[in-house]
C-alpha atoms as a PDB file:
ATOM      1  CA  UNK A   1     143.366  63.598  45.036  1.00  0.00           C
ATOM      2  CA  UNK A   2     141.005  63.116  47.970  1.00  0.00           C
ATOM      3  CA  UNK A   3     141.762  65.218  51.048  1.00  0.00           C
ATOM      4  CA  UNK A   4     141.340  63.803  54.532  1.00  0.00           C
ATOM      5  CA  UNK A   5     139.228  65.657  57.089  1.00  0.00           C
ATOM      6  CA  UNK A   6     142.405  66.569  58.977  1.00  0.00           C
ATOM      7  CA  UNK A   7     143.966  68.052  55.858  1.00  0.00           C
ATOM      8  CA  UNK A   8     140.804  70.010  55.095  1.00  0.00           C
ATOM      9  CA  UNK A   9     140.708  71.429  58.630  1.00  0.00           C
ATOM     10  CA  UNK A  10     144.414  72.328  58.756  1.00  0.00           C
ATOM     11  CA  UNK A  11     144.701  73.697  55.267  1.00  0.00           C
ATOM     12  CA  UNK A  12     147.381  72.866  52.724  1.00  0.00           C
ATOM     13  CA  UNK A  13     150.107  75.091  54.227  1.00  0.00           C
ATOM     14  CA  UNK A  14     149.834  73.764  57.794  1.00  0.00           C
ATOM     15  CA  UNK A  15     149.405  70.173  56.651  1.00  0.00           C
ATOM     16  CA  UNK A  16     152.643  70.369  54.639  1.00  0.00           C
ATOM     17  CA  UNK A  17     154.433  71.917  57.640  1.00  0.00           C
ATOM     18  CA  UNK A  18     153.184  69.079  59.852  1.00  0.00           C
ATOM     19  CA  UNK A  19     154.386  66.497  57.321  1.00  0.00           C
ATOM     20  CA  UNK A  20     157.855  68.103  57.296  1.00  0.00           C
ATOM     21  CA  UNK A  21     158.043  68.132  61.101  1.00  0.00           C
ATOM     22  CA  UNK A  22     157.050  64.475  61.317  1.00  0.00           C
ATOM     23  CA  UNK A  23     159.558  63.510  58.615  1.00  0.00           C
ATOM     24  CA  UNK A  24     162.367  65.319  60.482  1.00  0.00           C
ATOM     25  CA  UNK A  25     161.446  63.966  63.926  1.00  0.00           C
ATOM     26  CA  UNK A  26     163.728  61.574  65.736  1.00  0.00           C
ATOM     27  CA  UNK A  27     162.273  58.130  66.459  1.00  0.00           C
ATOM     28  CA  UNK A  28     162.046  59.055  70.158  1.00  0.00           C
ATOM     29  CA  UNK A  29     160.191  62.308  69.430  1.00  0.00           C
ATOM     30  CA  UNK A  30     157.815  60.485  67.097  1.00  0.00           C
ATOM     31  CA  UNK A  31     157.030  57.862  69.750  1.00  0.00           C
ATOM     32  CA  UNK A  32     156.418  60.648  72.304  1.00  0.00           C
ATOM     33  CA  UNK A  33     153.987  62.256  69.849  1.00  0.00           C
ATOM     34  CA  UNK A  34     152.178  58.968  69.246  1.00  0.00           C
ATOM     35  CA  UNK A  35     151.931  58.383  73.008  1.00  0.00           C
ATOM     36  CA  UNK A  36     150.299  61.825  73.420  1.00  0.00           C
ATOM     37  CA  UNK A  37     147.484  60.948  71.018  1.00  0.00           C
ATOM     38  CA  UNK A  38     146.948  57.411  72.308  1.00  0.00           C
ATOM     39  CA  UNK A  39     143.171  57.086  72.799  1.00  0.00           C
ATOM     40  CA  UNK A  40     143.633  54.672  75.715  1.00  0.00           C
ATOM     41  CA  UNK A  41     145.448  57.412  77.622  1.00  0.00           C
ATOM     42  CA  UNK A  42     142.731  60.013  76.962  1.00  0.00           C
ATOM     43  CA  UNK A  43     139.932  58.666  79.132  1.00  0.00           C
ATOM     44  CA  UNK A  44     138.937  60.190  82.486  1.00  0.00           C
ATOM     45  CA  UNK A  45     140.806  57.500  84.422  1.00  0.00           C
ATOM     46  CA  UNK A  46     143.718  57.269  82.020  1.00  0.00           C
ATOM     47  CA  UNK A  47     142.056  54.458  80.078  1.00  0.00           C
ATOM     48  CA  UNK A  48     139.046  54.022  77.899  1.00  0.00           C
ATOM     49  CA  UNK A  49     137.081  50.947  77.148  1.00  0.00           C
ATOM     50  CA  UNK A  50     136.692  47.725  79.093  1.00  0.00           C
ATOM     51  CA  UNK A  51     138.630  47.257  82.285  1.00  0.00           C
ATOM     52  CA  UNK A  52     139.575  43.630  82.861  1.00  0.00           C
ATOM     53  CA  UNK A  53     139.220  44.002  86.640  1.00  0.00           C
ATOM     54  CA  UNK A  54     135.466  44.721  86.375  1.00  0.00           C
END
């Protein structure tokens, strides 16, 4: 089995724990998590990439 970079960095124990937490999460909690790691929300102005107004 090929390990992802994330799995290699976390290690087997922590990766399995993360998988369990995600599997047990409510749909609302999962959406909150996904919103936290949204790359468009991570830029210095709250957005990355091309701004249509420019």
